[in-house]
Amino acid sequence: IMGFTPAVSDTSTPLYESIERVLTLHYENMKVVPSV
């Protein structure tokens, strides 16, 4: 009926760095880890 190609986004981007920066300021010792 429908199907989609698997895809992943690189984490070496300004967008990912922004996520890390904001979460670190809100949660002490926060570690951002990509997952499936």
PDB file of all heavy atoms in Angstrom:
ATOM      1  N   ILE A   1       0.837  -1.205   0.000  1.00  0.00           N
ATOM      2  CA  ILE A   1       0.000   0.000   0.000  1.00  0.00           C
ATOM      3  C   ILE A   1       0.869   1.251   0.000  1.00  0.00           C
ATOM      4  O   ILE A   1       0.636   2.190  -0.753  1.00  0.00           O
ATOM      5  CB  ILE A   1      -0.944   0.003   1.222  1.00  0.00           C
ATOM      6  CG1 ILE A   1      -1.854  -1.223   1.190  1.00  0.00           C
ATOM      7  CG2 ILE A   1      -1.768   1.291   1.267  1.00  0.00           C
ATOM      8  CD1 ILE A   1      -2.713  -1.366   2.432  1.00  0.00           C
ATOM      9  N   MET A   2       1.848   1.262   0.863  1.00  0.00           N
ATOM     10  CA  MET A   2       2.804   2.370   0.912  1.00  0.00           C
ATOM     11  C   MET A   2       4.091   1.883   1.553  1.00  0.00           C
ATOM     12  O   MET A   2       4.089   0.918   2.323  1.00  0.00           O
ATOM     13  CB  MET A   2       2.239   3.571   1.685  1.00  0.00           C
ATOM     14  CG  MET A   2       1.971   3.295   3.158  1.00  0.00           C
ATOM     15  SD  MET A   2       1.411   4.757   4.067  1.00  0.00           S
ATOM     16  CE  MET A   2      -0.201   5.001   3.343  1.00  0.00           C
ATOM     17  N   GLY A   3       5.167   2.517   1.212  1.00  0.00           N
ATOM     18  CA  GLY A   3       6.457   2.159   1.783  1.00  0.00           C
ATOM     19  C   GLY A   3       7.413   3.327   1.661  1.00  0.00           C
ATOM     20  O   GLY A   3       7.313   4.128   0.728  1.00  0.00           O
ATOM     21  N   PHE A   4       8.343   3.421   2.604  1.00  0.00           N
ATOM     22  CA  PHE A   4       9.248   4.558   2.632  1.00  0.00           C
ATOM     23  C   PHE A   4      10.679   4.084   2.827  1.00  0.00           C
ATOM     24  O   PHE A   4      10.929   3.068   3.475  1.00  0.00           O
ATOM     25  CB  PHE A   4       8.865   5.527   3.752  1.00  0.00           C
ATOM     26  CG  PHE A   4       7.429   5.962   3.715  1.00  0.00           C
ATOM     27  CD1 PHE A   4       6.511   5.442   4.610  1.00  0.00           C
ATOM     28  CD2 PHE A   4       6.996   6.873   2.767  1.00  0.00           C
ATOM     29  CE1 PHE A   4       5.186   5.827   4.567  1.00  0.00           C
ATOM     30  CE2 PHE A   4       5.666   7.262   2.719  1.00  0.00           C
ATOM     31  CZ  PHE A   4       4.756   6.740   3.622  1.00  0.00           C
ATOM     32  N   THR A   5      11.598   4.838   2.274  1.00  0.00           N
ATOM     33  CA  THR A   5      13.002   4.486   2.389  1.00  0.00           C
ATOM     34  C   THR A   5      13.514   4.823   3.788  1.00  0.00           C
ATOM     35  O   THR A   5      13.128   5.841   4.367  1.00  0.00           O
ATOM     36  CB  THR A   5      13.842   5.261   1.355  1.00  0.00           C
ATOM     37  OG1 THR A   5      13.617   6.666   1.546  1.00  0.00           O
ATOM     38  CG2 THR A   5      13.445   4.884  -0.052  1.00  0.00           C
ATOM     39  N   PRO A   6      14.388   3.984   4.345  1.00  0.00           N
ATOM     40  CA  PRO A   6      14.993   4.338   5.640  1.00  0.00           C
ATOM     41  C   PRO A   6      15.953   5.492   5.450  1.00  0.00           C
ATOM     42  O   PRO A   6      16.616   5.606   4.417  1.00  0.00           O
ATOM     43  CB  PRO A   6      15.728   3.053   6.041  1.00  0.00           C
ATOM     44  CG  PRO A   6      16.035   2.386   4.738  1.00  0.00           C
ATOM     45  CD  PRO A   6      14.870   2.701   3.831  1.00  0.00           C
ATOM     46  N   ALA A   7      16.002   6.368   6.414  1.00  0.00           N
ATOM     47  CA  ALA A   7      16.882   7.532   6.306  1.00  0.00           C
ATOM     48  C   ALA A   7      17.305   7.983   7.691  1.00  0.00           C
ATOM     49  O   ALA A   7      16.611   7.742   8.675  1.00  0.00           O
ATOM     50  CB  ALA A   7      16.175   8.670   5.566  1.00  0.00           C
ATOM     51  N   VAL A   8      18.439   8.643   7.748  1.00  0.00           N
ATOM     52  CA  VAL A   8      18.945   9.152   9.017  1.00  0.00           C
ATOM     53  C   VAL A   8      19.578  10.513   8.771  1.00  0.00           C
ATOM     54  O   VAL A   8      20.099  10.775   7.683  1.00  0.00           O
ATOM     55  CB  VAL A   8      19.973   8.166   9.626  1.00  0.00           C
ATOM     56  CG1 VAL A   8      21.185   8.043   8.715  1.00  0.00           C
ATOM     57  CG2 VAL A   8      20.392   8.605  11.019  1.00  0.00           C
ATOM     58  N   SER A   9      19.510  11.392   9.748  1.00  0.00           N
ATOM     59  CA  SER A   9      20.118  12.710   9.635  1.00  0.00           C
ATOM     60  C   SER A   9      21.402  12.759  10.447  1.00  0.00           C
ATOM     61  O   SER A   9      21.452  12.279  11.588  1.00  0.00           O
ATOM     62  CB  SER A   9      19.151  13.796  10.126  1.00  0.00           C
ATOM     63  OG  SER A   9      18.056  13.938   9.253  1.00  0.00           O
ATOM     64  N   ASP A  10      22.429  13.349   9.875  1.00  0.00           N
ATOM     65  CA  ASP A  10      23.713  13.500  10.542  1.00  0.00           C
ATOM     66  C   ASP A  10      23.553  14.376  11.783  1.00  0.00           C
ATOM     67  O   ASP A  10      22.775  15.332  11.793  1.00  0.00           O
ATOM     68  CB  ASP A  10      24.704  14.145   9.574  1.00  0.00           C
ATOM     69  CG  ASP A  10      26.140  14.100  10.093  1.00  0.00           C
ATOM     70  OD1 ASP A  10      26.341  13.672  11.237  1.00  0.00           O
ATOM     71  OD2 ASP A  10      27.047  14.506   9.344  1.00  0.00           O
ATOM     72  N   THR A  11      24.282  14.045  12.835  1.00  0.00           N
ATOM     73  CA  THR A  11      24.208  14.839  14.066  1.00  0.00           C
ATOM     74  C   THR A  11      25.267  15.944  14.112  1.00  0.00           C
ATOM     75  O   THR A  11      25.296  16.717  15.066  1.00  0.00           O
ATOM     76  CB  THR A  11      24.370  13.935  15.303  1.00  0.00           C
ATOM     77  OG1 THR A  11      25.605  13.206  15.209  1.00  0.00           O
ATOM     78  CG2 THR A  11      23.215  12.953  15.399  1.00  0.00           C
ATOM     79  N   SER A  12      26.103  16.028  13.102  1.00  0.00           N
ATOM     80  CA  SER A  12      27.119  17.098  13.054  1.00  0.00           C
ATOM     81  C   SER A  12      26.548  18.309  12.327  1.00  0.00           C
ATOM     82  O   SER A  12      27.022  18.698  11.251  1.00  0.00           O
ATOM     83  CB  SER A  12      28.384  16.591  12.352  1.00  0.00           C
ATOM     84  OG  SER A  12      28.908  15.462  13.008  1.00  0.00           O
ATOM     85  N   THR A  13      25.517  18.900  12.914  1.00  0.00           N
ATOM     86  CA  THR A  13      24.845  20.035  12.282  1.00  0.00           C
ATOM     87  C   THR A  13      24.563  21.130  13.310  1.00  0.00           C
ATOM     88  O   THR A  13      24.491  20.858  14.512  1.00  0.00           O
ATOM     89  CB  THR A  13      23.492  19.591  11.673  1.00  0.00           C
ATOM     90  OG1 THR A  13      22.610  19.192  12.740  1.00  0.00           O
ATOM     91  CG2 THR A  13      23.671  18.434  10.709  1.00  0.00           C
ATOM     92  N   PRO A  14      24.398  22.362  12.870  1.00  0.00           N
ATOM     93  CA  PRO A  14      24.025  23.446  13.791  1.00  0.00           C
ATOM     94  C   PRO A  14      22.696  23.169  14.497  1.00  0.00           C
ATOM     95  O   PRO A  14      22.516  23.578  15.641  1.00  0.00           O
ATOM     96  CB  PRO A  14      23.914  24.670  12.869  1.00  0.00           C
ATOM     97  CG  PRO A  14      24.804  24.356  11.709  1.00  0.00           C
ATOM     98  CD  PRO A  14      24.670  22.878  11.496  1.00  0.00           C
ATOM     99  N   LEU A  15      21.781  22.475  13.833  1.00  0.00           N
ATOM    100  CA  LEU A  15      20.487  22.164  14.445  1.00  0.00           C
ATOM    101  C   LEU A  15      20.665  21.247  15.648  1.00  0.00           C
ATOM    102  O   LEU A  15      20.085  21.481  16.715  1.00  0.00           O
ATOM    103  CB  LEU A  15      19.569  21.513  13.408  1.00  0.00           C
ATOM    104  CG  LEU A  15      18.148  21.163  13.869  1.00  0.00           C
ATOM    105  CD1 LEU A  15      17.391  22.426  14.278  1.00  0.00           C
ATOM    106  CD2 LEU A  15      17.388  20.419  12.772  1.00  0.00           C
ATOM    107  N   TYR A  16      21.481  20.215  15.497  1.00  0.00           N
ATOM    108  CA  TYR A  16      21.724  19.287  16.602  1.00  0.00           C
ATOM    109  C   TYR A  16      22.485  19.983  17.732  1.00  0.00           C
ATOM    110  O   TYR A  16      22.196  19.760  18.914  1.00  0.00           O
ATOM    111  CB  TYR A  16      22.517  18.080  16.102  1.00  0.00           C
ATOM    112  CG  TYR A  16      22.554  16.919  17.065  1.00  0.00           C
ATOM    113  CD1 TYR A  16      21.526  15.996  17.115  1.00  0.00           C
ATOM    114  CD2 TYR A  16      23.633  16.757  17.942  1.00  0.00           C
ATOM    115  CE1 TYR A  16      21.559  14.928  17.993  1.00  0.00           C
ATOM    116  CE2 TYR A  16      23.679  15.700  18.826  1.00  0.00           C
ATOM    117  CZ  TYR A  16      22.631  14.782  18.847  1.00  0.00           C
ATOM    118  OH  TYR A  16      22.671  13.739  19.741  1.00  0.00           O
ATOM    119  N   GLU A  17      23.435  20.821  17.367  1.00  0.00           N
ATOM    120  CA  GLU A  17      24.193  21.560  18.378  1.00  0.00           C
ATOM    121  C   GLU A  17      23.283  22.484  19.178  1.00  0.00           C
ATOM    122  O   GLU A  17      23.474  22.677  20.384  1.00  0.00           O
ATOM    123  CB  GLU A  17      25.301  22.365  17.701  1.00  0.00           C
ATOM    124  CG  GLU A  17      26.400  21.503  17.113  1.00  0.00           C
ATOM    125  CD  GLU A  17      27.386  22.306  16.292  1.00  0.00           C
ATOM    126  OE1 GLU A  17      27.199  23.547  16.183  1.00  0.00           O
ATOM    127  OE2 GLU A  17      28.346  21.717  15.750  1.00  0.00           O
ATOM    128  N   SER A  18      22.290  23.059  18.522  1.00  0.00           N
ATOM    129  CA  SER A  18      21.339  23.937  19.210  1.00  0.00           C
ATOM    130  C   SER A  18      20.509  23.144  20.209  1.00  0.00           C
ATOM    131  O   SER A  18      20.250  23.604  21.327  1.00  0.00           O
ATOM    132  CB  SER A  18      20.426  24.619  18.183  1.00  0.00           C
ATOM    133  OG  SER A  18      19.510  25.485  18.823  1.00  0.00           O
ATOM    134  N   ILE A  19      20.091  21.939  19.825  1.00  0.00           N
ATOM    135  CA  ILE A  19      19.337  21.072  20.749  1.00  0.00           C
ATOM    136  C   ILE A  19      20.184  20.771  21.981  1.00  0.00           C
ATOM    137  O   ILE A  19      19.710  20.864  23.120  1.00  0.00           O
ATOM    138  CB  ILE A  19      18.927  19.768  20.041  1.00  0.00           C
ATOM    139  CG1 ILE A  19      17.885  20.055  18.959  1.00  0.00           C
ATOM    140  CG2 ILE A  19      18.373  18.758  21.054  1.00  0.00           C
ATOM    141  CD1 ILE A  19      17.525  18.846  18.114  1.00  0.00           C
ATOM    142  N   GLU A  20      21.444  20.407  21.758  1.00  0.00           N
ATOM    143  CA  GLU A  20      22.336  20.108  22.874  1.00  0.00           C
ATOM    144  C   GLU A  20      22.522  21.323  23.779  1.00  0.00           C
ATOM    145  O   GLU A  20      22.487  21.211  25.011  1.00  0.00           O
ATOM    146  CB  GLU A  20      23.702  19.652  22.348  1.00  0.00           C
ATOM    147  CG  GLU A  20      23.697  18.301  21.688  1.00  0.00           C
ATOM    148  CD  GLU A  20      25.081  17.883  21.259  1.00  0.00           C
ATOM    149  OE1 GLU A  20      25.777  18.713  20.625  1.00  0.00           O
ATOM    150  OE2 GLU A  20      25.494  16.746  21.563  1.00  0.00           O
ATOM    151  N   ARG A  21      22.703  22.476  23.174  1.00  0.00           N
ATOM    152  CA  ARG A  21      22.975  23.700  23.931  1.00  0.00           C
ATOM    153  C   ARG A  21      21.792  24.058  24.834  1.00  0.00           C
ATOM    154  O   ARG A  21      21.960  24.386  26.015  1.00  0.00           O
ATOM    155  CB  ARG A  21      23.267  24.827  22.938  1.00  0.00           C
ATOM    156  CG  ARG A  21      23.823  26.085  23.544  1.00  0.00           C
ATOM    157  CD  ARG A  21      24.505  26.949  22.509  1.00  0.00           C
ATOM    158  NE  ARG A  21      23.705  27.159  21.311  1.00  0.00           N
ATOM    159  CZ  ARG A  21      24.057  26.731  20.099  1.00  0.00           C
ATOM    160  NH1 ARG A  21      25.179  26.055  19.919  1.00  0.00           N
ATOM    161  NH2 ARG A  21      23.282  26.970  19.052  1.00  0.00           N
ATOM    162  N   VAL A  22      20.600  23.997  24.291  1.00  0.00           N
ATOM    163  CA  VAL A  22      19.411  24.381  25.055  1.00  0.00           C
ATOM    164  C   VAL A  22      19.114  23.371  26.166  1.00  0.00           C
ATOM    165  O   VAL A  22      18.827  23.751  27.305  1.00  0.00           O
ATOM    166  CB  VAL A  22      18.196  24.518  24.117  1.00  0.00           C
ATOM    167  CG1 VAL A  22      16.914  24.705  24.920  1.00  0.00           C
ATOM    168  CG2 VAL A  22      18.391  25.699  23.173  1.00  0.00           C
ATOM    169  N   LEU A  23      19.196  22.085  25.862  1.00  0.00           N
ATOM    170  CA  LEU A  23      18.912  21.066  26.881  1.00  0.00           C
ATOM    171  C   LEU A  23      19.932  21.121  28.013  1.00  0.00           C
ATOM    172  O   LEU A  23      19.581  20.919  29.180  1.00  0.00           O
ATOM    173  CB  LEU A  23      18.900  19.675  26.238  1.00  0.00           C
ATOM    174  CG  LEU A  23      17.690  19.357  25.369  1.00  0.00           C
ATOM    175  CD1 LEU A  23      17.829  17.971  24.738  1.00  0.00           C
ATOM    176  CD2 LEU A  23      16.394  19.417  26.194  1.00  0.00           C
ATOM    177  N   THR A  24      21.188  21.395  27.682  1.00  0.00           N
ATOM    178  CA  THR A  24      22.221  21.479  28.712  1.00  0.00           C
ATOM    179  C   THR A  24      21.950  22.629  29.678  1.00  0.00           C
ATOM    180  O   THR A  24      22.209  22.526  30.891  1.00  0.00           O
ATOM    181  CB  THR A  24      23.601  21.663  28.060  1.00  0.00           C
ATOM    182  OG1 THR A  24      23.870  20.552  27.202  1.00  0.00           O
ATOM    183  CG2 THR A  24      24.687  21.739  29.126  1.00  0.00           C
ATOM    184  N   LEU A  25      21.401  23.719  29.176  1.00  0.00           N
ATOM    185  CA  LEU A  25      21.094  24.856  30.038  1.00  0.00           C
ATOM    186  C   LEU A  25      19.884  24.588  30.924  1.00  0.00           C
ATOM    187  O   LEU A  25      19.775  25.128  32.020  1.00  0.00           O
ATOM    188  CB  LEU A  25      20.847  26.100  29.185  1.00  0.00           C
ATOM    189  CG  LEU A  25      22.107  26.735  28.590  1.00  0.00           C
ATOM    190  CD1 LEU A  25      21.743  27.776  27.558  1.00  0.00           C
ATOM    191  CD2 LEU A  25      22.956  27.355  29.688  1.00  0.00           C
ATOM    192  N   HIS A  26      18.983  23.743  30.483  1.00  0.00           N
ATOM    193  CA  HIS A  26      17.781  23.449  31.269  1.00  0.00           C
ATOM    194  C   HIS A  26      17.983  22.279  32.233  1.00  0.00           C
ATOM    195  O   HIS A  26      17.331  22.215  33.272  1.00  0.00           O
ATOM    196  CB  HIS A  26      16.603  23.149  30.338  1.00  0.00           C
ATOM    197  CG  HIS A  26      15.939  24.372  29.791  1.00  0.00           C
ATOM    198  ND1 HIS A  26      14.945  25.040  30.472  1.00  0.00           N
ATOM    199  CD2 HIS A  26      16.136  25.055  28.638  1.00  0.00           C
ATOM    200  CE1 HIS A  26      14.540  26.078  29.758  1.00  0.00           C
ATOM    201  NE2 HIS A  26      15.250  26.122  28.647  1.00  0.00           N
ATOM    202  N   TYR A  27      18.849  21.343  31.871  1.00  0.00           N
ATOM    203  CA  TYR A  27      19.065  20.163  32.707  1.00  0.00           C
ATOM    204  C   TYR A  27      20.565  19.979  32.930  1.00  0.00           C
ATOM    205  O   TYR A  27      21.318  19.745  31.976  1.00  0.00           O
ATOM    206  CB  TYR A  27      18.483  18.913  32.060  1.00  0.00           C
ATOM    207  CG  TYR A  27      16.978  18.949  31.903  1.00  0.00           C
ATOM    208  CD1 TYR A  27      16.410  19.157  30.648  1.00  0.00           C
ATOM    209  CD2 TYR A  27      16.135  18.788  32.999  1.00  0.00           C
ATOM    210  CE1 TYR A  27      15.034  19.196  30.490  1.00  0.00           C
ATOM    211  CE2 TYR A  27      14.763  18.828  32.859  1.00  0.00           C
ATOM    212  CZ  TYR A  27      14.218  19.031  31.604  1.00  0.00           C
ATOM    213  OH  TYR A  27      12.851  19.071  31.458  1.00  0.00           O
ATOM    214  N   GLU A  28      20.963  20.059  34.180  1.00  0.00           N
ATOM    215  CA  GLU A  28      22.376  19.926  34.519  1.00  0.00           C
ATOM    216  C   GLU A  28      22.882  18.535  34.157  1.00  0.00           C
ATOM    217  O   GLU A  28      22.200  17.533  34.374  1.00  0.00           O
ATOM    218  CB  GLU A  28      22.572  20.174  36.021  1.00  0.00           C
ATOM    219  CG  GLU A  28      24.028  20.247  36.433  1.00  0.00           C
ATOM    220  CD  GLU A  28      24.180  20.564  37.901  1.00  0.00           C
ATOM    221  OE1 GLU A  28      23.141  20.734  38.585  1.00  0.00           O
ATOM    222  OE2 GLU A  28      25.327  20.639  38.375  1.00  0.00           O
ATOM    223  N   ASN A  29      24.077  18.481  33.583  1.00  0.00           N
ATOM    224  CA  ASN A  29      24.727  17.226  33.189  1.00  0.00           C
ATOM    225  C   ASN A  29      23.933  16.449  32.136  1.00  0.00           C
ATOM    226  O   ASN A  29      24.040  15.230  32.038  1.00  0.00           O
ATOM    227  CB  ASN A  29      24.957  16.325  34.414  1.00  0.00           C
ATOM    228  CG  ASN A  29      25.845  16.982  35.452  1.00  0.00           C
ATOM    229  OD1 ASN A  29      26.813  17.655  35.103  1.00  0.00           O
ATOM    230  ND2 ASN A  29      25.513  16.807  36.725  1.00  0.00           N
ATOM    231  N   MET A  30      23.123  17.149  31.360  1.00  0.00           N
ATOM    232  CA  MET A  30      22.352  16.515  30.296  1.00  0.00           C
ATOM    233  C   MET A  30      23.280  16.009  29.187  1.00  0.00           C
ATOM    234  O   MET A  30      24.236  16.689  28.808  1.00  0.00           O
ATOM    235  CB  MET A  30      21.345  17.508  29.712  1.00  0.00           C
ATOM    236  CG  MET A  30      20.723  17.100  28.384  1.00  0.00           C
ATOM    237  SD  MET A  30      19.688  15.631  28.500  1.00  0.00           S
ATOM    238  CE  MET A  30      18.291  16.281  29.404  1.00  0.00           C
ATOM    239  N   LYS A  31      23.014  14.803  28.696  1.00  0.00           N
ATOM    240  CA  LYS A  31      23.751  14.236  27.572  1.00  0.00           C
ATOM    241  C   LYS A  31      22.751  13.855  26.490  1.00  0.00           C
ATOM    242  O   LYS A  31      21.847  13.044  26.727  1.00  0.00           O
ATOM    243  CB  LYS A  31      24.558  13.007  28.011  1.00  0.00           C
ATOM    244  CG  LYS A  31      25.338  12.349  26.891  1.00  0.00           C
ATOM    245  CD  LYS A  31      26.444  13.237  26.372  1.00  0.00           C
ATOM    246  CE  LYS A  31      27.283  12.534  25.309  1.00  0.00           C
ATOM    247  NZ  LYS A  31      28.328  13.421  24.752  1.00  0.00           N
ATOM    248  N   VAL A  32      22.873  14.452  25.323  1.00  0.00           N
ATOM    249  CA  VAL A  32      21.962  14.165  24.217  1.00  0.00           C
ATOM    250  C   VAL A  32      22.529  13.012  23.401  1.00  0.00           C
ATOM    251  O   VAL A  32      23.671  13.066  22.934  1.00  0.00           O
ATOM    252  CB  VAL A  32      21.779  15.405  23.311  1.00  0.00           C
ATOM    253  CG1 VAL A  32      20.809  15.094  22.178  1.00  0.00           C
ATOM    254  CG2 VAL A  32      21.268  16.583  24.136  1.00  0.00           C
ATOM    255  N   VAL A  33      21.721  11.961  23.230  1.00  0.00           N
ATOM    256  CA  VAL A  33      22.164  10.762  22.513  1.00  0.00           C
ATOM    257  C   VAL A  33      21.130  10.407  21.441  1.00  0.00           C
ATOM    258  O   VAL A  33      19.944  10.267  21.759  1.00  0.00           O
ATOM    259  CB  VAL A  33      22.327   9.561  23.478  1.00  0.00           C
ATOM    260  CG1 VAL A  33      22.770   8.322  22.714  1.00  0.00           C
ATOM    261  CG2 VAL A  33      23.311   9.901  24.583  1.00  0.00           C
ATOM    262  N   PRO A  34      21.530  10.279  20.182  1.00  0.00           N
ATOM    263  CA  PRO A  34      20.580   9.873  19.139  1.00  0.00           C
ATOM    264  C   PRO A  34      20.145   8.428  19.343  1.00  0.00           C
ATOM    265  O   PRO A  34      20.905   7.606  19.868  1.00  0.00           O
ATOM    266  CB  PRO A  34      21.381  10.036  17.847  1.00  0.00           C
ATOM    267  CG  PRO A  34      22.805   9.932  18.266  1.00  0.00           C
ATOM    268  CD  PRO A  34      22.881  10.518  19.649  1.00  0.00           C
ATOM    269  N   SER A  35      18.943   8.110  18.957  1.00  0.00           N
ATOM    270  CA  SER A  35      18.433   6.755  19.155  1.00  0.00           C
ATOM    271  C   SER A  35      17.543   6.348  17.989  1.00  0.00           C
ATOM    272  O   SER A  35      17.144   7.173  17.161  1.00  0.00           O
ATOM    273  CB  SER A  35      17.643   6.677  20.467  1.00  0.00           C
ATOM    274  OG  SER A  35      16.498   7.503  20.404  1.00  0.00           O
ATOM    275  N   VAL A  36      17.245   5.066  17.934  1.00  0.00           N
ATOM    276  CA  VAL A  36      16.327   4.518  16.942  1.00  0.00           C
ATOM    277  C   VAL A  36      14.998   4.248  17.625  1.00  0.00           C
ATOM    278  O   VAL A  36      14.955   3.746  18.744  1.00  0.00           O
ATOM    279  CB  VAL A  36      16.875   3.217  16.324  1.00  0.00           C
ATOM    280  CG1 VAL A  36      15.884   2.635  15.316  1.00  0.00           C
ATOM    281  CG2 VAL A  36      18.209   3.471  15.649  1.00  0.00           C
TER     282      VAL A  36
END
